Amino acid sequence: MLGPFHYNQLHLKPTQKIKLRYLHELISPIMSMDEFIKVMVIDGCFIIELFCKDNNDELIGENDPIFGVNCMMSMLTHDLILLENQIPWLVLESLFKKIITPDHVNLPLITLVTNFFNSLFCRGVEICQEVHKYENLHILDLLRNSLGLPSSIAKQETNTLSNDEWQVLPSATILVEAGIKFKKAEISNNILDIKFKNGVMEIPSLFIQDDTESLFRNLICFEQCLPFCEEVINSYLTFLDYLINSRKDVEIFSKEKIIENWIDNEETAVFLNRIVNDTSVDRFYYFDLVNEVNKYCQRRWPRYRRVLIHDYFRHPWAFISVSAAAILLILTIVQTIFTIIK
């Protein structure tokens, strides 16, 4: 008999042995439990020792096969953020407590991990240390928490949106033409807390380098695969995809130091445009913000300003022509007034 209702009944003990035999025959061609544990221990210890050596140069021996080869660290950083390469945090933490002594390293595992990946985000800026408050599932989940939590955006309540509720946000270039200013957020512990008030959008700085696209792709996959997961990174990248459509949009962000770019501006625009392709966001955390910006753009002056800039001040000669016409009109009015007075 099958199922929990008949489980552990005395007369069904023989069938239980058959089930266990079938289970063994099913998994034995793939991997035995001993082999699985062996893999977890070997890979887990390797990762822990890697983080320890990265934190303390004195632990690096002569002719080290990792730290002695320039490209190895870059390759390992890339491999450690892949979703398919994740080892449960519970395994890493259990191994760390058993094998690491204060003489070897006197920092908690979370600090070692955040220090190791610090260069992935921004030079000289530490990753948010409040990540220890969260139950991290693995290293990739820890990085996700470091990037975006705690956040006022993530804490807000959202509802599943229907197609007719979605609003598209104009690109940064168009918003600038409408009079909106972009500003780097001075105080922010994460990349998610984008704010808009009185025509000014404050955006936390984002460090972009070669591994940034890989990191974000794996974070999106993680959010898409994990049940009941807050789609904060996916929402954030969808928001950036709205704002950045071309090289000019990236240049606006770079000028304001919102984006610290180690790759070409054109490459950045392409990467941000394609990264959310074939993904869906059920709960868009910037829905209210998009509506607020669009309402601002629909006001009379922002609309007139955009028409002036887009249609009349787009080229230097157009600006000169409009300016000359305005001056001529003013002189004509002044001359008319003087004529009437006389």
Protein backbone atom coordinates (compact mmCIF):
# COMPACT_ATOMS: atom_id res chain seq x y z
CA MET A 1 0.00 0.00 0.00
CA LEU A 2 1.10 3.58 -0.67
CA GLY A 3 0.85 6.88 1.17
CA PRO A 4 1.10 8.00 4.82
CA PHE A 5 -2.21 6.48 5.95
CA HIS A 6 -0.92 2.90 5.78
CA TYR A 7 2.70 3.70 6.62
CA ASN A 8 4.42 1.64 9.34
CA GLN A 9 1.65 -0.95 9.64
CA LEU A 10 3.04 -4.32 10.72
CA HIS A 11 1.60 -6.42 7.90
CA LEU A 12 3.08 -4.02 5.32
CA LYS A 13 6.72 -4.29 6.52
CA PRO A 14 7.73 -6.59 3.62
CA THR A 15 6.47 -4.10 1.05
CA GLN A 16 8.47 -1.36 2.78
CA LYS A 17 11.66 -3.34 2.11
CA ILE A 18 10.70 -3.58 -1.57
CA LYS A 19 10.23 0.18 -1.70
CA LEU A 20 13.66 0.77 -0.14
CA ARG A 21 15.24 -1.62 -2.63
CA TYR A 22 13.62 0.25 -5.53
CA LEU A 23 14.79 3.56 -4.07
CA HIS A 24 18.35 2.26 -3.83
CA GLU A 25 18.24 0.94 -7.39
CA LEU A 26 16.89 4.30 -8.57
CA ILE A 27 19.58 6.50 -7.04
CA SER A 28 22.57 4.13 -7.07
CA PRO A 29 23.40 4.63 -10.77
CA ILE A 30 23.47 8.39 -10.18
CA MET A 31 25.17 8.79 -6.80
CA SER A 32 25.23 6.99 -3.50
CA MET A 33 24.54 8.89 -0.28
CA ASP A 34 28.19 8.47 0.76
CA GLU A 35 29.34 10.03 -2.50
CA PHE A 36 26.87 12.88 -2.10
CA ILE A 37 28.17 13.63 1.40
CA LYS A 38 31.73 13.38 0.12
CA VAL A 39 31.03 15.95 -2.59
CA MET A 40 29.41 18.34 -0.09
CA VAL A 41 32.34 18.05 2.34
CA ILE A 42 35.10 18.38 -0.28
CA ASP A 43 33.50 21.33 -2.10
CA GLY A 44 32.41 23.00 1.13
CA CYS A 45 35.89 22.80 2.67
CA PHE A 46 37.46 24.08 -0.55
CA ILE A 47 35.16 27.12 -0.57
CA ILE A 48 35.78 27.87 3.11
CA GLU A 49 39.56 27.65 2.74
CA LEU A 50 39.35 29.86 -0.36
CA PHE A 51 37.56 32.57 1.64
CA CYS A 52 40.00 32.24 4.54
CA LYS A 53 43.05 32.62 2.29
CA ASP A 54 41.47 35.56 0.50
CA ASN A 55 41.04 37.26 3.86
CA ASN A 56 44.52 36.43 5.22
CA ASP A 57 47.55 36.43 2.92
CA GLU A 58 49.62 34.58 5.53
CA LEU A 59 47.57 31.45 4.86
CA ILE A 60 48.57 31.41 1.18
CA GLY A 61 51.41 28.96 0.70
CA GLU A 62 54.15 29.06 -1.89
CA ASN A 63 53.06 28.11 -5.43
CA ASP A 64 49.38 28.20 -4.46
CA PRO A 65 47.39 26.85 -7.48
CA ILE A 66 44.61 29.44 -7.00
CA PHE A 67 46.23 32.63 -5.75
CA GLY A 68 49.38 32.05 -7.79
CA VAL A 69 47.47 32.26 -11.11
CA ASN A 70 45.93 35.61 -12.04
CA CYS A 71 42.88 34.34 -13.94
CA MET A 72 41.86 31.73 -11.34
CA MET A 73 40.23 34.17 -8.92
CA SER A 74 38.12 35.69 -11.67
CA MET A 75 37.02 32.25 -12.85
CA LEU A 76 36.17 31.12 -9.31
CA THR A 77 34.19 34.28 -8.61
CA HIS A 78 32.16 33.60 -11.72
CA ASP A 79 31.61 29.93 -10.81
CA LEU A 80 30.58 30.67 -7.23
CA ILE A 81 27.66 32.88 -8.31
CA LEU A 82 26.14 30.32 -10.69
CA LEU A 83 22.81 29.00 -9.43
CA GLU A 84 23.67 25.40 -10.33
CA ASN A 85 26.88 25.55 -8.27
CA GLN A 86 25.30 26.51 -4.96
CA ILE A 87 25.98 24.49 -1.81
CA PRO A 88 23.44 24.85 1.04
CA TRP A 89 24.48 27.49 3.54
CA LEU A 90 23.69 25.03 6.32
CA VAL A 91 26.45 22.75 5.02
CA LEU A 92 29.01 25.56 4.77
CA GLU A 93 28.19 26.92 8.20
CA SER A 94 28.32 23.47 9.83
CA LEU A 95 31.72 22.74 8.28
CA PHE A 96 33.00 26.19 9.22
CA LYS A 97 32.09 25.69 12.90
CA LYS A 98 33.77 22.29 13.01
CA ILE A 99 37.04 22.96 11.18
CA ILE A 100 37.89 26.66 11.63
CA THR A 101 39.64 27.81 14.80
CA PRO A 102 40.22 31.40 16.01
CA ASP A 103 43.93 30.96 15.26
CA HIS A 104 43.09 30.23 11.62
CA VAL A 105 40.62 33.08 11.16
CA ASN A 106 38.70 35.19 13.68
CA LEU A 107 35.87 36.41 11.44
CA PRO A 108 32.40 34.89 10.96
CA LEU A 109 31.72 33.04 7.70
CA ILE A 110 29.29 35.70 6.43
CA THR A 111 31.96 38.38 6.74
CA LEU A 112 34.47 36.22 4.85
CA VAL A 113 31.96 35.74 2.04
CA THR A 114 31.01 39.43 1.76
CA ASN A 115 34.68 40.43 1.82
CA PHE A 116 35.45 37.96 -0.96
CA PHE A 117 32.71 39.33 -3.22
CA ASN A 118 33.28 42.98 -2.32
CA SER A 119 35.07 43.70 -5.60
CA LEU A 120 32.07 42.37 -7.50
CA PHE A 121 30.00 45.36 -6.41
CA CYS A 122 32.19 48.40 -5.89
CA ARG A 123 35.75 49.10 -4.90
CA GLY A 124 36.17 50.49 -1.40
CA VAL A 125 32.53 49.99 -0.43
CA GLU A 126 31.65 47.17 1.91
CA ILE A 127 28.65 45.00 1.17
CA CYS A 128 25.81 45.48 3.63
CA GLN A 129 26.72 43.60 6.81
CA GLU A 130 23.10 43.37 8.00
CA VAL A 131 22.84 40.24 5.88
CA HIS A 132 23.54 38.13 8.98
CA LYS A 133 19.96 38.87 10.08
CA TYR A 134 18.57 36.78 7.23
CA GLU A 135 18.38 33.04 6.79
CA ASN A 136 20.58 32.66 3.74
CA LEU A 137 19.93 29.58 1.63
CA HIS A 138 23.33 29.65 -0.05
CA ILE A 139 26.00 32.10 -1.25
CA LEU A 140 23.89 33.46 -4.13
CA ASP A 141 21.02 34.13 -1.74
CA LEU A 142 23.44 35.88 0.62
CA LEU A 143 24.59 38.14 -2.24
CA ARG A 144 20.98 38.90 -3.10
CA ASN A 145 20.29 39.90 0.49
CA SER A 146 23.48 41.97 0.54
CA LEU A 147 22.44 43.86 -2.59
CA GLY A 148 18.87 44.66 -1.75
CA LEU A 149 17.92 44.07 1.86
CA PRO A 150 16.83 45.68 4.08
CA SER A 151 14.88 47.92 1.73
CA SER A 152 11.80 50.12 1.93
CA ILE A 153 10.92 48.91 -1.57
CA ALA A 154 10.96 45.25 -0.53
CA LYS A 155 8.86 45.95 2.56
CA GLN A 156 5.96 47.53 0.70
CA GLU A 157 2.89 45.50 -0.13
CA THR A 158 2.29 44.67 -3.78
CA ASN A 159 -0.45 42.94 -5.70
CA THR A 160 -0.29 40.79 -8.81
CA LEU A 161 -0.74 43.13 -11.78
CA SER A 162 -2.92 42.52 -14.80
CA ASN A 163 -1.78 43.53 -18.30
CA ASP A 164 -3.98 46.63 -18.40
CA GLU A 165 -2.45 47.92 -15.15
CA TRP A 166 1.12 47.99 -16.44
CA GLN A 167 2.56 51.37 -17.35
CA VAL A 168 5.77 51.85 -19.31
CA LEU A 169 8.28 54.37 -18.00
CA PRO A 170 9.97 56.66 -20.59
CA SER A 171 13.73 56.44 -21.01
CA ALA A 172 16.11 58.64 -19.03
CA THR A 173 16.73 60.86 -22.09
CA ILE A 174 13.01 61.57 -22.50
CA LEU A 175 12.55 62.17 -18.77
CA VAL A 176 15.40 64.70 -18.77
CA GLU A 177 13.70 66.50 -21.65
CA ALA A 178 10.57 66.64 -19.48
CA GLY A 179 12.55 68.33 -16.72
CA ILE A 180 13.21 65.37 -14.44
CA LYS A 181 16.62 65.36 -12.79
CA PHE A 182 18.59 62.24 -11.89
CA LYS A 183 20.70 62.25 -8.76
CA LYS A 184 22.91 59.70 -7.05
CA ALA A 185 21.43 58.72 -3.69
CA GLU A 186 23.88 59.91 -1.06
CA ILE A 187 22.79 57.58 1.73
CA SER A 188 21.66 54.10 0.78
CA ASN A 189 22.54 50.63 2.00
CA ASN A 190 21.23 48.88 -1.11
CA ILE A 191 20.52 49.33 -4.79
CA LEU A 192 16.74 48.97 -4.53
CA ASP A 193 15.75 52.18 -2.75
CA ILE A 194 14.95 54.43 -5.71
CA LYS A 195 12.99 57.56 -4.76
CA PHE A 196 11.17 60.28 -6.70
CA LYS A 197 10.11 63.64 -5.30
CA ASN A 198 9.51 67.08 -6.83
CA GLY A 199 10.90 66.08 -10.22
CA VAL A 200 14.10 64.55 -8.82
CA MET A 201 14.80 60.81 -9.01
CA GLU A 202 17.42 59.57 -6.57
CA ILE A 203 19.03 56.26 -7.53
CA PRO A 204 21.69 54.38 -5.53
CA SER A 205 24.93 53.83 -7.42
CA LEU A 206 25.43 50.60 -9.36
CA PHE A 207 28.86 49.18 -10.09
CA ILE A 208 28.99 47.42 -13.47
CA GLN A 209 31.86 45.20 -14.55
CA ASP A 210 32.38 41.97 -16.51
CA ASP A 211 30.66 39.65 -14.00
CA THR A 212 27.69 41.92 -13.27
CA GLU A 213 25.49 40.46 -16.00
CA SER A 214 26.20 36.90 -14.87
CA LEU A 215 25.37 37.80 -11.27
CA PHE A 216 22.07 39.45 -12.17
CA ARG A 217 21.06 36.63 -14.51
CA ASN A 218 21.55 34.07 -11.76
CA LEU A 219 19.70 36.23 -9.25
CA ILE A 220 16.76 36.51 -11.65
CA CYS A 221 16.75 32.72 -12.17
CA PHE A 222 16.84 32.23 -8.41
CA GLU A 223 13.86 34.53 -7.86
CA GLN A 224 11.94 32.88 -10.69
CA CYS A 225 12.55 29.38 -9.34
CA LEU A 226 12.06 29.92 -5.60
CA PRO A 227 8.38 29.66 -4.55
CA PHE A 228 6.89 32.78 -2.94
CA CYS A 229 10.12 34.71 -3.50
CA GLU A 230 10.03 38.52 -3.47
CA GLU A 231 10.96 39.53 -7.03
CA VAL A 232 12.95 42.56 -5.93
CA ILE A 233 15.98 42.11 -8.19
CA ASN A 234 13.79 41.28 -11.18
CA SER A 235 11.68 44.40 -10.48
CA TYR A 236 14.81 46.53 -10.12
CA LEU A 237 16.25 45.36 -13.45
CA THR A 238 12.89 45.81 -15.18
CA PHE A 239 12.84 49.39 -13.89
CA LEU A 240 16.37 50.00 -15.22
CA ASP A 241 15.36 48.43 -18.53
CA TYR A 242 12.66 51.12 -18.83
CA LEU A 243 15.10 53.94 -18.08
CA ILE A 244 18.01 52.75 -20.22
CA ASN A 245 17.39 52.15 -23.90
CA SER A 246 20.53 53.56 -25.47
CA ARG A 247 24.07 54.75 -24.91
CA LYS A 248 22.77 58.28 -24.21
CA ASP A 249 20.74 57.00 -21.26
CA VAL A 250 23.81 55.29 -19.81
CA GLU A 251 25.81 58.50 -20.27
CA ILE A 252 23.23 60.42 -18.21
CA PHE A 253 23.61 57.93 -15.37
CA SER A 254 27.40 57.85 -15.69
CA LYS A 255 27.61 61.64 -15.58
CA GLU A 256 25.68 61.67 -12.30
CA LYS A 257 27.80 58.75 -11.02
CA ILE A 258 24.70 56.61 -10.63
CA ILE A 259 26.46 54.00 -12.75
CA GLU A 260 30.13 53.26 -12.17
CA ASN A 261 30.95 51.61 -15.46
CA TRP A 262 33.95 49.41 -16.14
CA ILE A 263 32.62 48.35 -19.52
CA ASP A 264 31.57 50.27 -22.62
CA ASN A 265 28.40 52.38 -22.32
CA GLU A 266 26.94 50.70 -25.39
CA GLU A 267 27.57 47.25 -23.87
CA THR A 268 25.89 48.35 -20.65
CA ALA A 269 22.78 49.51 -22.52
CA VAL A 270 22.59 46.22 -24.44
CA PHE A 271 23.07 44.11 -21.31
CA LEU A 272 20.36 45.99 -19.36
CA ASN A 273 17.95 45.75 -22.31
CA ARG A 274 18.32 42.01 -22.80
CA ILE A 275 18.66 40.78 -19.21
CA VAL A 276 14.92 40.78 -18.48
CA ASN A 277 13.99 39.20 -21.81
CA ASP A 278 11.86 36.06 -21.42
CA THR A 279 11.20 36.82 -17.76
CA SER A 280 7.96 37.80 -16.06
CA VAL A 281 7.28 39.89 -12.96
CA ASP A 282 4.07 39.11 -11.13
CA ARG A 283 4.68 41.67 -8.40
CA PHE A 284 6.40 44.79 -9.69
CA TYR A 285 7.78 46.67 -6.70
CA TYR A 286 8.18 49.97 -8.59
CA PHE A 287 4.59 50.15 -9.85
CA ASP A 288 3.66 53.16 -7.68
CA LEU A 289 6.93 54.92 -8.51
CA VAL A 290 6.37 54.50 -12.27
CA ASN A 291 2.84 55.91 -11.94
CA GLU A 292 4.13 58.88 -9.95
CA VAL A 293 6.78 59.71 -12.58
CA ASN A 294 4.30 59.38 -15.43
CA LYS A 295 1.83 61.68 -13.67
CA TYR A 296 4.58 64.28 -13.25
CA CYS A 297 5.42 64.08 -16.96
CA GLN A 298 1.76 64.66 -17.89
CA ARG A 299 1.71 68.05 -16.17
CA ARG A 300 1.53 71.04 -18.50
CA TRP A 301 5.04 72.49 -18.03
CA PRO A 302 6.98 69.18 -18.34
CA ARG A 303 5.07 68.45 -21.56
CA TYR A 304 5.76 71.90 -23.02
CA ARG A 305 9.39 71.72 -21.95
CA ARG A 306 9.86 68.37 -23.65
CA VAL A 307 8.30 69.67 -26.90
CA LEU A 308 10.59 72.72 -26.83
CA ILE A 309 13.73 70.68 -26.23
CA HIS A 310 12.80 67.84 -28.59
CA ASP A 311 11.45 69.92 -31.49
CA TYR A 312 13.20 73.28 -31.23
CA PHE A 313 16.37 72.95 -29.17
CA ARG A 314 17.55 69.59 -30.46
CA HIS A 315 20.26 71.06 -32.70
CA PRO A 316 22.42 74.18 -32.21
CA TRP A 317 21.09 75.89 -35.36
CA ALA A 318 17.51 75.30 -34.25
CA PHE A 319 18.31 76.84 -30.87
CA ILE A 320 19.95 79.86 -32.56
CA SER A 321 16.96 80.31 -34.88
CA VAL A 322 14.44 80.17 -32.03
CA SER A 323 16.57 82.52 -29.92
CA ALA A 324 16.91 85.00 -32.80
CA ALA A 325 13.16 84.89 -33.43
CA ALA A 326 12.47 85.46 -29.72
CA ILE A 327 14.87 88.43 -29.59
CA LEU A 328 13.32 89.89 -32.75
CA LEU A 329 9.85 89.51 -31.25
CA ILE A 330 10.90 91.21 -28.03
CA LEU A 331 12.52 94.12 -29.93
CA THR A 332 9.37 94.51 -32.04
CA ILE A 333 7.21 94.65 -28.90
CA VAL A 334 9.55 97.20 -27.28
CA GLN A 335 9.55 99.34 -30.42
CA THR A 336 5.74 99.21 -30.56
CA ILE A 337 5.48 100.31 -26.93
CA PHE A 338 7.84 103.24 -27.50
CA THR A 339 5.87 104.24 -30.61
CA ILE A 340 2.60 104.24 -28.64
CA ILE A 341 4.14 106.28 -25.80
CA LYS A 342 5.42 108.91 -28.23
